[in-house]
Amino acid sequence: MDDGAIQAWYESATPSSRGRPQRYSDLAITTVLVIKRVFRLTLRAAQGFIDSIFTLMNVPLRCPDYSCVSRRAKSVNISFKTPTRGEIAHLVIDSTGLKVFGEGEWKVKKHGQERRRIWRKLHLAVDSKTHEIICADLSLNNVTDSEAFPGLIRQTHRKIRAASADGAYDTRLCHDELRRKKISALIPPRKGAGYWPGEYADRNRAVANQRLTG
């Protein structure tokens, strides 16, 4: 949420026709609709979600009421790609850090006041063919990739042939979840990884290959 979006949140143009002027800009309405679609929320839940973000950021804005968004949804130009269905051949899993612009960045710009930055971690699972985000989860920054993995992968009930991720996911927790869902694991063993007893034949072969090839 940058300064441009903050300044454009409320409608500033003079209305060209009679009637009550619109309080919120098309940008605000579009933002709510996008959040609703991406996170699969109801309009009421999206309103609460966005208001909580504004509170966290200490930004003096309010989300449009869900009834206002519903009424104006027909007048804004926004299109969504229809989600795909069926089997996923290859799922790619990773995470990225998010710096919350609020009690840190926004106030620093306005008042020159240095404050502690707030970080969150976004976990994503993407269909490598369509680039569609299949699963998404937001966690505290101290949650590891492997800890977030089971909850992330359980968000979809679609059949998945294979899933790839980096060495941070080379844990029994991740491999067990993939085996439970009958998904082939394409996860490189960590450097210096050892063999695991039990039903980890594919993973142990990858460890053996790593030791042979370096």
N, C-alpha and C. Protein backbone atom coordinates (compact mmCIF):
# COMPACT_ATOMS: atom_id res chain seq x y z
N MET A 1 0.87 -1.18 0.00
CA MET A 1 0.00 0.00 0.00
C MET A 1 0.90 1.22 0.00
N ASP A 2 1.12 1.83 -1.17
CA ASP A 2 2.02 2.97 -1.24
C ASP A 2 1.26 4.28 -1.08
N ASP A 3 2.01 5.39 -1.09
CA ASP A 3 1.39 6.71 -0.90
C ASP A 3 0.38 7.03 -1.99
N GLY A 4 0.68 6.59 -3.22
CA GLY A 4 -0.24 6.86 -4.33
C GLY A 4 -1.59 6.23 -4.11
N ALA A 5 -1.58 4.97 -3.65
CA ALA A 5 -2.85 4.27 -3.38
C ALA A 5 -3.58 4.89 -2.21
N ILE A 6 -2.84 5.30 -1.19
CA ILE A 6 -3.46 5.93 -0.02
C ILE A 6 -4.16 7.22 -0.42
N GLN A 7 -3.48 8.03 -1.23
CA GLN A 7 -4.05 9.32 -1.64
C GLN A 7 -5.23 9.15 -2.59
N ALA A 8 -5.27 8.03 -3.33
CA ALA A 8 -6.33 7.82 -4.32
C ALA A 8 -7.48 6.96 -3.77
N TRP A 9 -7.44 6.62 -2.49
CA TRP A 9 -8.45 5.72 -1.94
C TRP A 9 -9.85 6.34 -1.95
N TYR A 10 -9.93 7.60 -1.58
CA TYR A 10 -11.22 8.29 -1.56
C TYR A 10 -11.42 9.07 -2.85
N GLU A 11 -12.66 9.19 -3.28
CA GLU A 11 -12.99 9.88 -4.53
C GLU A 11 -12.77 11.38 -4.36
N SER A 12 -11.99 11.97 -5.27
CA SER A 12 -11.71 13.40 -5.19
C SER A 12 -12.32 14.18 -6.35
N ALA A 13 -12.74 13.48 -7.42
CA ALA A 13 -13.31 14.16 -8.59
C ALA A 13 -14.69 14.71 -8.27
N THR A 14 -15.02 15.85 -8.89
CA THR A 14 -16.34 16.45 -8.74
C THR A 14 -17.35 15.65 -9.54
N PRO A 15 -18.47 15.24 -8.91
CA PRO A 15 -19.46 14.44 -9.64
C PRO A 15 -20.05 15.20 -10.81
N SER A 16 -20.25 14.49 -11.93
CA SER A 16 -20.77 15.11 -13.15
C SER A 16 -22.28 15.09 -13.21
N SER A 17 -22.93 14.44 -12.27
CA SER A 17 -24.39 14.37 -12.28
C SER A 17 -24.92 14.58 -10.87
N ARG A 18 -26.23 14.77 -10.78
CA ARG A 18 -26.85 14.97 -9.48
C ARG A 18 -26.81 13.70 -8.66
N GLY A 19 -27.06 13.88 -7.38
CA GLY A 19 -27.06 12.72 -6.51
C GLY A 19 -25.94 12.77 -5.51
N ARG A 20 -25.96 11.84 -4.61
CA ARG A 20 -24.95 11.77 -3.57
C ARG A 20 -23.60 11.42 -4.16
N PRO A 21 -22.55 12.22 -3.88
CA PRO A 21 -21.23 11.92 -4.44
C PRO A 21 -20.65 10.63 -3.86
N GLN A 22 -19.84 9.95 -4.65
CA GLN A 22 -19.21 8.71 -4.19
C GLN A 22 -18.07 9.02 -3.24
N ARG A 23 -18.02 8.30 -2.16
CA ARG A 23 -16.96 8.52 -1.19
C ARG A 23 -15.67 7.81 -1.60
N TYR A 24 -15.82 6.60 -2.14
CA TYR A 24 -14.66 5.77 -2.46
C TYR A 24 -14.38 5.76 -3.96
N SER A 25 -13.10 5.75 -4.29
CA SER A 25 -12.69 5.73 -5.69
C SER A 25 -12.87 4.33 -6.28
N ASP A 26 -12.79 4.26 -7.61
CA ASP A 26 -12.84 2.95 -8.27
C ASP A 26 -11.68 2.06 -7.82
N LEU A 27 -10.54 2.69 -7.51
CA LEU A 27 -9.38 1.93 -7.02
C LEU A 27 -9.73 1.17 -5.74
N ALA A 28 -10.43 1.83 -4.82
CA ALA A 28 -10.81 1.19 -3.56
C ALA A 28 -11.74 0.01 -3.81
N ILE A 29 -12.72 0.19 -4.68
CA ILE A 29 -13.68 -0.88 -4.97
C ILE A 29 -12.97 -2.06 -5.63
N THR A 30 -12.10 -1.75 -6.59
CA THR A 30 -11.35 -2.80 -7.29
C THR A 30 -10.45 -3.58 -6.33
N THR A 31 -9.81 -2.86 -5.41
CA THR A 31 -8.93 -3.51 -4.44
C THR A 31 -9.69 -4.53 -3.59
N VAL A 32 -10.87 -4.15 -3.13
CA VAL A 32 -11.68 -5.06 -2.32
C VAL A 32 -12.07 -6.31 -3.12
N LEU A 33 -12.46 -6.10 -4.37
CA LEU A 33 -12.87 -7.23 -5.21
C LEU A 33 -11.71 -8.18 -5.49
N VAL A 34 -10.52 -7.62 -5.69
CA VAL A 34 -9.34 -8.46 -5.93
C VAL A 34 -9.00 -9.27 -4.68
N ILE A 35 -8.99 -8.61 -3.52
CA ILE A 35 -8.72 -9.30 -2.25
C ILE A 35 -9.74 -10.41 -2.02
N LYS A 36 -10.99 -10.11 -2.30
CA LYS A 36 -12.06 -11.09 -2.14
C LYS A 36 -11.80 -12.33 -2.99
N ARG A 37 -11.40 -12.10 -4.24
CA ARG A 37 -11.20 -13.21 -5.17
C ARG A 37 -9.95 -14.02 -4.83
N VAL A 38 -8.85 -13.32 -4.58
CA VAL A 38 -7.58 -13.99 -4.34
C VAL A 38 -7.63 -14.88 -3.09
N PHE A 39 -8.24 -14.35 -2.02
CA PHE A 39 -8.26 -15.08 -0.75
C PHE A 39 -9.58 -15.83 -0.52
N ARG A 40 -10.44 -15.83 -1.54
CA ARG A 40 -11.71 -16.57 -1.49
C ARG A 40 -12.54 -16.18 -0.25
N LEU A 41 -12.75 -14.88 -0.09
CA LEU A 41 -13.49 -14.36 1.05
C LEU A 41 -14.87 -13.88 0.63
N THR A 42 -15.77 -13.76 1.59
CA THR A 42 -17.01 -13.04 1.33
C THR A 42 -16.71 -11.55 1.35
N LEU A 43 -17.62 -10.74 0.83
CA LEU A 43 -17.39 -9.29 0.84
C LEU A 43 -17.26 -8.77 2.27
N ARG A 44 -18.08 -9.30 3.16
CA ARG A 44 -18.01 -8.85 4.56
C ARG A 44 -16.65 -9.21 5.18
N ALA A 45 -16.16 -10.42 4.88
CA ALA A 45 -14.86 -10.84 5.41
C ALA A 45 -13.73 -10.02 4.79
N ALA A 46 -13.83 -9.71 3.49
CA ALA A 46 -12.82 -8.89 2.83
C ALA A 46 -12.77 -7.50 3.45
N GLN A 47 -13.93 -6.95 3.79
CA GLN A 47 -13.98 -5.65 4.44
C GLN A 47 -13.23 -5.68 5.77
N GLY A 48 -13.49 -6.69 6.58
CA GLY A 48 -12.80 -6.81 7.86
C GLY A 48 -11.31 -7.04 7.70
N PHE A 49 -10.94 -7.83 6.69
CA PHE A 49 -9.53 -8.11 6.42
C PHE A 49 -8.77 -6.83 6.07
N ILE A 50 -9.35 -6.03 5.17
CA ILE A 50 -8.68 -4.80 4.73
C ILE A 50 -8.63 -3.78 5.87
N ASP A 51 -9.70 -3.67 6.65
CA ASP A 51 -9.68 -2.75 7.79
C ASP A 51 -8.60 -3.15 8.79
N SER A 52 -8.40 -4.45 8.98
CA SER A 52 -7.36 -4.90 9.92
C SER A 52 -5.97 -4.55 9.40
N ILE A 53 -5.80 -4.60 8.07
CA ILE A 53 -4.51 -4.21 7.49
C ILE A 53 -4.26 -2.72 7.71
N PHE A 54 -5.29 -1.91 7.49
CA PHE A 54 -5.16 -0.47 7.72
C PHE A 54 -4.81 -0.17 9.18
N THR A 55 -5.42 -0.93 10.10
CA THR A 55 -5.13 -0.74 11.52
C THR A 55 -3.68 -1.10 11.82
N LEU A 56 -3.22 -2.22 11.27
CA LEU A 56 -1.84 -2.65 11.46
C LEU A 56 -0.86 -1.63 10.90
N MET A 57 -1.21 -1.05 9.75
CA MET A 57 -0.35 -0.08 9.10
C MET A 57 -0.45 1.31 9.72
N ASN A 58 -1.48 1.50 10.58
CA ASN A 58 -1.75 2.82 11.16
C ASN A 58 -2.01 3.85 10.07
N VAL A 59 -2.73 3.42 9.03
CA VAL A 59 -3.10 4.30 7.92
C VAL A 59 -4.54 4.77 8.15
N PRO A 60 -4.81 6.07 8.04
CA PRO A 60 -6.14 6.61 8.34
C PRO A 60 -7.14 6.40 7.22
N LEU A 61 -7.40 5.14 6.87
CA LEU A 61 -8.36 4.81 5.81
C LEU A 61 -9.37 3.80 6.35
N ARG A 62 -10.51 3.73 5.67
CA ARG A 62 -11.51 2.73 5.97
C ARG A 62 -11.86 1.98 4.69
N CYS A 63 -12.15 0.71 4.83
CA CYS A 63 -12.58 -0.08 3.67
C CYS A 63 -14.03 0.27 3.34
N PRO A 64 -14.38 0.31 2.06
CA PRO A 64 -15.79 0.52 1.69
C PRO A 64 -16.67 -0.56 2.32
N ASP A 65 -17.86 -0.19 2.73
CA ASP A 65 -18.81 -1.15 3.27
C ASP A 65 -19.12 -2.22 2.22
N TYR A 66 -19.31 -3.45 2.68
CA TYR A 66 -19.54 -4.56 1.73
C TYR A 66 -20.74 -4.33 0.84
N SER A 67 -21.76 -3.62 1.36
CA SER A 67 -22.94 -3.34 0.54
C SER A 67 -22.62 -2.33 -0.56
N CYS A 68 -21.72 -1.38 -0.25
CA CYS A 68 -21.27 -0.40 -1.25
C CYS A 68 -20.48 -1.10 -2.35
N VAL A 69 -19.60 -2.02 -1.96
CA VAL A 69 -18.80 -2.75 -2.95
C VAL A 69 -19.70 -3.59 -3.85
N SER A 70 -20.68 -4.24 -3.25
CA SER A 70 -21.62 -5.07 -4.02
C SER A 70 -22.38 -4.22 -5.04
N ARG A 71 -22.78 -3.03 -4.63
CA ARG A 71 -23.54 -2.15 -5.51
C ARG A 71 -22.69 -1.62 -6.67
N ARG A 72 -21.43 -1.30 -6.39
CA ARG A 72 -20.59 -0.68 -7.40
C ARG A 72 -19.76 -1.67 -8.20
N ALA A 73 -19.82 -2.95 -7.84
CA ALA A 73 -19.01 -3.97 -8.53
C ALA A 73 -19.30 -4.01 -10.03
N LYS A 74 -20.54 -3.70 -10.40
CA LYS A 74 -20.92 -3.76 -11.82
C LYS A 74 -20.36 -2.59 -12.62
N SER A 75 -19.94 -1.53 -11.93
CA SER A 75 -19.50 -0.32 -12.64
C SER A 75 -17.99 -0.21 -12.81
N VAL A 76 -17.22 -1.09 -12.16
CA VAL A 76 -15.76 -1.03 -12.30
C VAL A 76 -15.31 -2.08 -13.30
N ASN A 77 -14.25 -1.76 -14.00
CA ASN A 77 -13.74 -2.65 -15.05
C ASN A 77 -12.66 -3.55 -14.46
N ILE A 78 -13.03 -4.78 -14.20
CA ILE A 78 -12.08 -5.73 -13.64
C ILE A 78 -12.41 -7.11 -14.18
N SER A 79 -11.39 -7.84 -14.57
CA SER A 79 -11.61 -9.18 -15.11
C SER A 79 -10.69 -10.17 -14.41
N PHE A 80 -11.20 -11.36 -14.19
CA PHE A 80 -10.45 -12.42 -13.55
C PHE A 80 -10.33 -13.60 -14.48
N LYS A 81 -9.18 -14.23 -14.46
CA LYS A 81 -9.01 -15.45 -15.22
C LYS A 81 -9.74 -16.58 -14.50
N THR A 82 -10.51 -17.35 -15.24
CA THR A 82 -11.25 -18.46 -14.65
C THR A 82 -10.28 -19.51 -14.13
N PRO A 83 -10.39 -19.89 -12.86
CA PRO A 83 -9.48 -20.90 -12.31
C PRO A 83 -9.57 -22.22 -13.07
N THR A 84 -8.44 -22.87 -13.21
CA THR A 84 -8.41 -24.16 -13.89
C THR A 84 -8.91 -25.25 -12.96
N ARG A 85 -9.25 -26.38 -13.54
CA ARG A 85 -9.73 -27.51 -12.76
C ARG A 85 -8.97 -28.76 -13.20
N GLY A 86 -9.17 -29.83 -12.47
CA GLY A 86 -8.56 -31.09 -12.87
C GLY A 86 -7.17 -31.29 -12.30
N GLU A 87 -6.47 -32.24 -12.88
CA GLU A 87 -5.16 -32.66 -12.38
C GLU A 87 -4.09 -31.60 -12.61
N ILE A 88 -3.18 -31.50 -11.64
CA ILE A 88 -2.02 -30.61 -11.75
C ILE A 88 -0.79 -31.49 -11.95
N ALA A 89 -0.08 -31.27 -13.05
CA ALA A 89 1.08 -32.10 -13.33
C ALA A 89 2.27 -31.76 -12.43
N HIS A 90 2.45 -30.47 -12.17
CA HIS A 90 3.65 -30.05 -11.43
C HIS A 90 3.34 -28.82 -10.59
N LEU A 91 3.47 -28.95 -9.30
CA LEU A 91 3.23 -27.84 -8.37
C LEU A 91 4.57 -27.36 -7.82
N VAL A 92 4.79 -26.06 -7.85
CA VAL A 92 6.03 -25.46 -7.34
C VAL A 92 5.72 -24.72 -6.05
N ILE A 93 6.50 -24.98 -5.02
CA ILE A 93 6.22 -24.44 -3.69
C ILE A 93 7.41 -23.62 -3.20
N ASP A 94 7.11 -22.45 -2.64
CA ASP A 94 8.17 -21.58 -2.11
C ASP A 94 7.54 -20.55 -1.19
N SER A 95 8.37 -19.72 -0.59
CA SER A 95 7.87 -18.66 0.27
C SER A 95 8.68 -17.40 0.04
N THR A 96 8.14 -16.28 0.48
CA THR A 96 8.84 -15.01 0.35
C THR A 96 8.50 -14.14 1.55
N GLY A 97 9.42 -13.28 1.93
CA GLY A 97 9.19 -12.38 3.05
C GLY A 97 8.45 -11.13 2.58
N LEU A 98 7.56 -10.65 3.41
CA LEU A 98 6.81 -9.43 3.13
C LEU A 98 7.08 -8.42 4.23
N LYS A 99 7.48 -7.23 3.84
CA LYS A 99 7.66 -6.15 4.82
C LYS A 99 6.39 -5.33 4.86
N VAL A 100 5.79 -5.22 6.03
CA VAL A 100 4.53 -4.49 6.16
C VAL A 100 4.82 -3.00 6.17
N PHE A 101 4.20 -2.29 5.22
CA PHE A 101 4.35 -0.85 5.16
C PHE A 101 3.29 -0.25 6.08
N GLY A 102 3.71 0.28 7.19
CA GLY A 102 2.73 0.81 8.12
C GLY A 102 3.45 1.52 9.24
N GLU A 103 3.46 0.93 10.41
CA GLU A 103 4.11 1.52 11.56
C GLU A 103 5.59 1.81 11.29
N GLY A 104 6.13 1.29 10.19
CA GLY A 104 7.49 1.61 9.81
C GLY A 104 7.56 2.58 8.67
N GLU A 105 7.41 2.06 7.42
CA GLU A 105 7.70 2.83 6.23
C GLU A 105 6.83 4.07 6.05
N TRP A 106 5.50 3.92 6.21
CA TRP A 106 4.62 5.04 5.92
C TRP A 106 4.88 6.20 6.88
N LYS A 107 5.04 5.90 8.18
CA LYS A 107 5.28 6.96 9.14
C LYS A 107 6.67 7.57 8.99
N VAL A 108 7.63 6.75 8.60
CA VAL A 108 8.97 7.29 8.38
C VAL A 108 8.95 8.33 7.27
N LYS A 109 8.23 8.02 6.17
CA LYS A 109 8.13 8.96 5.05
C LYS A 109 7.45 10.25 5.47
N LYS A 110 6.40 10.14 6.27
CA LYS A 110 5.61 11.31 6.63
C LYS A 110 6.23 12.12 7.76
N HIS A 111 6.81 11.43 8.74
CA HIS A 111 7.25 12.12 9.95
C HIS A 111 8.73 11.95 10.26
N GLY A 112 9.43 11.16 9.45
CA GLY A 112 10.85 10.95 9.70
C GLY A 112 11.12 10.21 11.00
N GLN A 113 10.19 9.41 11.43
CA GLN A 113 10.29 8.70 12.70
C GLN A 113 10.66 7.25 12.46
N GLU A 114 11.78 6.83 12.96
CA GLU A 114 12.27 5.47 12.72
C GLU A 114 11.60 4.50 13.68
N ARG A 115 11.06 3.43 13.13
CA ARG A 115 10.40 2.43 13.97
C ARG A 115 10.77 1.02 13.50
N ARG A 116 10.46 0.06 14.34
CA ARG A 116 10.76 -1.34 14.03
C ARG A 116 9.92 -1.81 12.85
N ARG A 117 10.55 -2.50 11.91
CA ARG A 117 9.85 -3.03 10.75
C ARG A 117 9.09 -4.31 11.13
N ILE A 118 7.97 -4.54 10.47
CA ILE A 118 7.16 -5.73 10.71
C ILE A 118 7.24 -6.62 9.48
N TRP A 119 7.58 -7.89 9.69
CA TRP A 119 7.71 -8.83 8.58
C TRP A 119 6.70 -9.96 8.71
N ARG A 120 6.23 -10.42 7.58
CA ARG A 120 5.39 -11.61 7.50
C ARG A 120 5.95 -12.51 6.40
N LYS A 121 5.53 -13.76 6.36
CA LYS A 121 6.00 -14.69 5.34
C LYS A 121 4.81 -15.20 4.54
N LEU A 122 4.92 -15.10 3.21
CA LEU A 122 3.87 -15.57 2.32
C LEU A 122 4.31 -16.89 1.70
N HIS A 123 3.52 -17.94 1.91
CA HIS A 123 3.80 -19.28 1.38
C HIS A 123 2.89 -19.51 0.17
N LEU A 124 3.47 -19.97 -0.94
CA LEU A 124 2.73 -20.12 -2.18
C LEU A 124 2.97 -21.49 -2.81
N ALA A 125 1.93 -22.00 -3.46
CA ALA A 125 2.04 -23.21 -4.28
C ALA A 125 1.45 -22.86 -5.64
N VAL A 126 2.25 -22.98 -6.70
CA VAL A 126 1.87 -22.49 -8.02
C VAL A 126 1.92 -23.62 -9.04
N ASP A 127 0.93 -23.67 -9.90
CA ASP A 127 0.92 -24.61 -11.03
C ASP A 127 1.96 -24.13 -12.04
N SER A 128 2.99 -24.93 -12.29
CA SER A 128 4.09 -24.49 -13.16
C SER A 128 3.64 -24.29 -14.61
N LYS A 129 2.56 -24.93 -15.01
CA LYS A 129 2.09 -24.80 -16.39
C LYS A 129 1.25 -23.55 -16.60
N THR A 130 0.30 -23.31 -15.71
CA THR A 130 -0.61 -22.17 -15.88
C THR A 130 -0.17 -20.94 -15.10
N HIS A 131 0.80 -21.09 -14.18
CA HIS A 131 1.26 -20.03 -13.28
C HIS A 131 0.16 -19.58 -12.33
N GLU A 132 -0.84 -20.39 -12.17
CA GLU A 132 -1.95 -20.08 -11.26
C GLU A 132 -1.55 -20.39 -9.82
N ILE A 133 -1.87 -19.48 -8.90
CA ILE A 133 -1.63 -19.73 -7.48
C ILE A 133 -2.71 -20.69 -6.99
N ILE A 134 -2.30 -21.89 -6.63
CA ILE A 134 -3.24 -22.92 -6.18
C ILE A 134 -3.50 -22.81 -4.68
N CYS A 135 -2.45 -22.55 -3.93
CA CYS A 135 -2.57 -22.43 -2.47
C CYS A 135 -1.75 -21.23 -2.00
N ALA A 136 -2.22 -20.57 -0.97
CA ALA A 136 -1.50 -19.43 -0.40
C ALA A 136 -1.78 -19.35 1.09
N ASP A 137 -0.76 -18.98 1.84
CA ASP A 137 -0.93 -18.85 3.29
C ASP A 137 0.02 -17.78 3.79
N LEU A 138 -0.42 -17.04 4.79
CA LEU A 138 0.39 -15.98 5.39
C LEU A 138 0.69 -16.36 6.83
N SER A 139 1.95 -16.25 7.21
CA SER A 139 2.34 -16.64 8.57
C SER A 139 3.24 -15.59 9.19
N LEU A 140 3.52 -15.76 10.47
CA LEU A 140 4.52 -14.94 11.12
C LEU A 140 5.88 -15.28 10.52
N ASN A 141 6.82 -14.37 10.67
CA ASN A 141 8.12 -14.55 10.02
C ASN A 141 8.92 -15.70 10.62
N ASN A 142 8.60 -16.10 11.86
CA ASN A 142 9.38 -17.17 12.49
C ASN A 142 8.86 -18.57 12.19
N VAL A 143 7.81 -18.68 11.38
CA VAL A 143 7.29 -19.99 10.97
C VAL A 143 8.14 -20.49 9.81
N THR A 144 8.70 -21.69 9.93
CA THR A 144 9.56 -22.21 8.87
C THR A 144 8.74 -22.69 7.69
N ASP A 145 9.40 -22.82 6.54
CA ASP A 145 8.72 -23.29 5.33
C ASP A 145 8.12 -24.68 5.54
N SER A 146 8.88 -25.56 6.19
CA SER A 146 8.39 -26.93 6.37
C SER A 146 7.21 -26.98 7.35
N GLU A 147 7.19 -26.10 8.34
CA GLU A 147 6.07 -26.06 9.29
C GLU A 147 4.78 -25.62 8.61
N ALA A 148 4.90 -24.70 7.67
CA ALA A 148 3.72 -24.18 6.98
C ALA A 148 3.24 -25.11 5.87
N PHE A 149 4.10 -26.03 5.44
CA PHE A 149 3.82 -26.85 4.27
C PHE A 149 2.54 -27.68 4.36
N PRO A 150 2.32 -28.45 5.43
CA PRO A 150 1.11 -29.30 5.46
C PRO A 150 -0.18 -28.50 5.31
N GLY A 151 -0.30 -27.40 6.05
CA GLY A 151 -1.50 -26.58 5.95
C GLY A 151 -1.66 -25.97 4.58
N LEU A 152 -0.55 -25.65 3.93
CA LEU A 152 -0.60 -25.07 2.58
C LEU A 152 -1.11 -26.08 1.57
N ILE A 153 -0.52 -27.27 1.57
CA ILE A 153 -0.84 -28.27 0.54
C ILE A 153 -2.24 -28.85 0.75
N ARG A 154 -2.77 -28.76 1.96
CA ARG A 154 -4.11 -29.30 2.23
C ARG A 154 -5.23 -28.38 1.75
N GLN A 155 -4.87 -27.21 1.27
CA GLN A 155 -5.89 -26.28 0.78
C GLN A 155 -6.55 -26.75 -0.51
N THR A 156 -5.89 -27.61 -1.25
CA THR A 156 -6.47 -28.09 -2.50
C THR A 156 -6.73 -29.59 -2.44
N HIS A 157 -7.82 -30.00 -3.06
CA HIS A 157 -8.15 -31.43 -3.14
C HIS A 157 -7.92 -31.97 -4.56
N ARG A 158 -7.33 -31.14 -5.43
CA ARG A 158 -7.05 -31.58 -6.79
C ARG A 158 -5.90 -32.59 -6.80
N LYS A 159 -5.95 -33.50 -7.75
CA LYS A 159 -4.87 -34.49 -7.87
C LYS A 159 -3.62 -33.79 -8.38
N ILE A 160 -2.49 -34.08 -7.75
CA ILE A 160 -1.21 -33.48 -8.11
C ILE A 160 -0.21 -34.60 -8.36
N ARG A 161 0.42 -34.58 -9.51
CA ARG A 161 1.39 -35.63 -9.84
C ARG A 161 2.69 -35.45 -9.07
N ALA A 162 3.25 -34.25 -9.13
CA ALA A 162 4.55 -34.00 -8.50
C ALA A 162 4.60 -32.59 -7.95
N ALA A 163 5.40 -32.43 -6.90
CA ALA A 163 5.60 -31.11 -6.28
C ALA A 163 7.09 -30.90 -6.06
N SER A 164 7.56 -29.72 -6.43
CA SER A 164 8.98 -29.41 -6.23
C SER A 164 9.13 -28.23 -5.29
N ALA A 165 10.22 -28.28 -4.51
CA ALA A 165 10.53 -27.23 -3.56
C ALA A 165 12.02 -27.30 -3.27
N ASP A 166 12.56 -26.30 -2.59
CA ASP A 166 13.99 -26.30 -2.32
C ASP A 166 14.30 -27.12 -1.06
N GLY A 167 15.58 -27.13 -0.69
CA GLY A 167 16.03 -27.97 0.41
C GLY A 167 15.43 -27.65 1.76
N ALA A 168 14.84 -26.46 1.91
CA ALA A 168 14.21 -26.11 3.19
C ALA A 168 13.03 -27.03 3.50
N TYR A 169 12.50 -27.67 2.47
CA TYR A 169 11.36 -28.57 2.64
C TYR A 169 11.78 -30.03 2.77
N ASP A 170 13.08 -30.29 2.86
CA ASP A 170 13.57 -31.66 3.00
C ASP A 170 13.46 -32.10 4.46
N THR A 171 12.23 -32.31 4.89
CA THR A 171 11.94 -32.76 6.25
C THR A 171 10.95 -33.92 6.19
N ARG A 172 10.92 -34.71 7.24
CA ARG A 172 9.96 -35.81 7.28
C ARG A 172 8.52 -35.29 7.22
N LEU A 173 8.29 -34.15 7.84
CA LEU A 173 6.95 -33.56 7.85
C LEU A 173 6.44 -33.33 6.43
N CYS A 174 7.29 -32.75 5.57
CA CYS A 174 6.90 -32.47 4.19
C CYS A 174 6.77 -33.75 3.37
N HIS A 175 7.74 -34.63 3.50
CA HIS A 175 7.70 -35.88 2.73
C HIS A 175 6.50 -36.74 3.13
N ASP A 176 6.19 -36.75 4.42
CA ASP A 176 5.03 -37.54 4.88
C ASP A 176 3.73 -36.99 4.31
N GLU A 177 3.62 -35.67 4.27
CA GLU A 177 2.39 -35.06 3.73
C GLU A 177 2.25 -35.34 2.24
N LEU A 178 3.35 -35.27 1.50
CA LEU A 178 3.30 -35.58 0.07
C LEU A 178 2.96 -37.05 -0.17
N ARG A 179 3.54 -37.92 0.63
CA ARG A 179 3.24 -39.35 0.48
C ARG A 179 1.77 -39.63 0.81
N ARG A 180 1.25 -38.95 1.82
CA ARG A 180 -0.16 -39.14 2.20
C ARG A 180 -1.09 -38.76 1.06
N LYS A 181 -0.72 -37.70 0.30
CA LYS A 181 -1.55 -37.25 -0.82
C LYS A 181 -1.13 -37.89 -2.14
N LYS A 182 -0.18 -38.84 -2.05
CA LYS A 182 0.29 -39.58 -3.24
C LYS A 182 0.85 -38.64 -4.30
N ILE A 183 1.71 -37.71 -3.84
CA ILE A 183 2.38 -36.75 -4.72
C ILE A 183 3.87 -37.08 -4.75
N SER A 184 4.44 -37.15 -5.94
CA SER A 184 5.88 -37.39 -6.06
C SER A 184 6.65 -36.17 -5.56
N ALA A 185 7.61 -36.40 -4.68
CA ALA A 185 8.39 -35.30 -4.10
C ALA A 185 9.63 -35.02 -4.94
N LEU A 186 9.76 -33.79 -5.42
CA LEU A 186 10.95 -33.35 -6.15
C LEU A 186 11.66 -32.32 -5.29
N ILE A 187 12.27 -32.81 -4.21
CA ILE A 187 12.91 -31.94 -3.23
C ILE A 187 14.37 -32.38 -3.07
N PRO A 188 15.33 -31.52 -3.37
CA PRO A 188 16.73 -31.90 -3.22
C PRO A 188 17.09 -32.05 -1.74
N PRO A 189 17.83 -33.10 -1.37
CA PRO A 189 18.25 -33.25 0.03
C PRO A 189 19.15 -32.09 0.44
N ARG A 190 19.12 -31.79 1.70
CA ARG A 190 20.00 -30.73 2.19
C ARG A 190 21.46 -31.20 2.13
N LYS A 191 22.36 -30.26 2.13
CA LYS A 191 23.78 -30.59 2.08
C LYS A 191 24.15 -31.43 3.30
N GLY A 192 24.81 -32.55 3.05
CA GLY A 192 25.21 -33.43 4.14
C GLY A 192 24.08 -34.25 4.73
N ALA A 193 22.97 -34.36 4.00
CA ALA A 193 21.81 -35.09 4.50
C ALA A 193 22.11 -36.57 4.68
N GLY A 194 21.51 -37.17 5.67
CA GLY A 194 21.68 -38.59 5.91
C GLY A 194 20.47 -39.38 5.44
N TYR A 195 20.60 -40.69 5.48
CA TYR A 195 19.49 -41.56 5.07
C TYR A 195 18.44 -41.62 6.18
N TRP A 196 17.20 -41.79 5.77
CA TRP A 196 16.10 -41.94 6.74
C TRP A 196 15.59 -43.37 6.71
N PRO A 197 15.38 -43.97 7.86
CA PRO A 197 14.79 -45.31 7.88
C PRO A 197 13.29 -45.23 7.57
N GLY A 198 12.77 -46.33 7.09
CA GLY A 198 11.33 -46.35 6.81
C GLY A 198 11.02 -46.14 5.34
N GLU A 199 9.84 -45.58 5.06
CA GLU A 199 9.34 -45.48 3.69
C GLU A 199 9.81 -44.21 2.98
N TYR A 200 11.12 -44.07 2.84
CA TYR A 200 11.66 -42.89 2.19
C TYR A 200 12.64 -43.30 1.08
N ALA A 201 12.31 -44.34 0.34
CA ALA A 201 13.23 -44.90 -0.65
C ALA A 201 13.62 -43.87 -1.71
N ASP A 202 12.66 -43.14 -2.24
CA ASP A 202 12.96 -42.15 -3.28
C ASP A 202 13.87 -41.05 -2.74
N ARG A 203 13.58 -40.60 -1.55
CA ARG A 203 14.40 -39.55 -0.96
C ARG A 203 15.80 -40.06 -0.66
N ASN A 204 15.92 -41.29 -0.19
CA ASN A 204 17.24 -41.86 0.11
C ASN A 204 18.06 -42.07 -1.16
N ARG A 205 17.39 -42.39 -2.27
CA ARG A 205 18.11 -42.50 -3.56
C ARG A 205 18.66 -41.13 -3.96
N ALA A 206 17.90 -40.08 -3.69
CA ALA A 206 18.38 -38.73 -4.00
C ALA A 206 19.59 -38.38 -3.15
N VAL A 207 19.60 -38.83 -1.90
CA VAL A 207 20.75 -38.61 -1.02
C VAL A 207 21.97 -39.36 -1.56
N ALA A 208 21.77 -40.61 -1.98
CA ALA A 208 22.87 -41.40 -2.53
C ALA A 208 23.43 -40.75 -3.79
N ASN A 209 22.56 -40.27 -4.64
CA ASN A 209 23.00 -39.61 -5.87
C ASN A 209 23.76 -38.33 -5.55
N GLN A 210 23.30 -37.60 -4.54
CA GLN A 210 24.00 -36.37 -4.14
C GLN A 210 25.41 -36.68 -3.65
N ARG A 211 25.57 -37.77 -2.93
CA ARG A 211 26.90 -38.14 -2.42
C ARG A 211 27.83 -38.57 -3.54
N LEU A 212 27.27 -39.19 -4.58
CA LEU A 212 28.09 -39.64 -5.70
C LEU A 212 28.53 -38.49 -6.59
N THR A 213 27.62 -37.55 -6.80
CA THR A 213 27.89 -36.46 -7.74
C THR A 213 28.37 -35.19 -7.07
N GLY A 214 28.19 -35.10 -5.78
CA GLY A 214 28.59 -33.90 -5.07
C GLY A 214 27.59 -32.80 -5.20
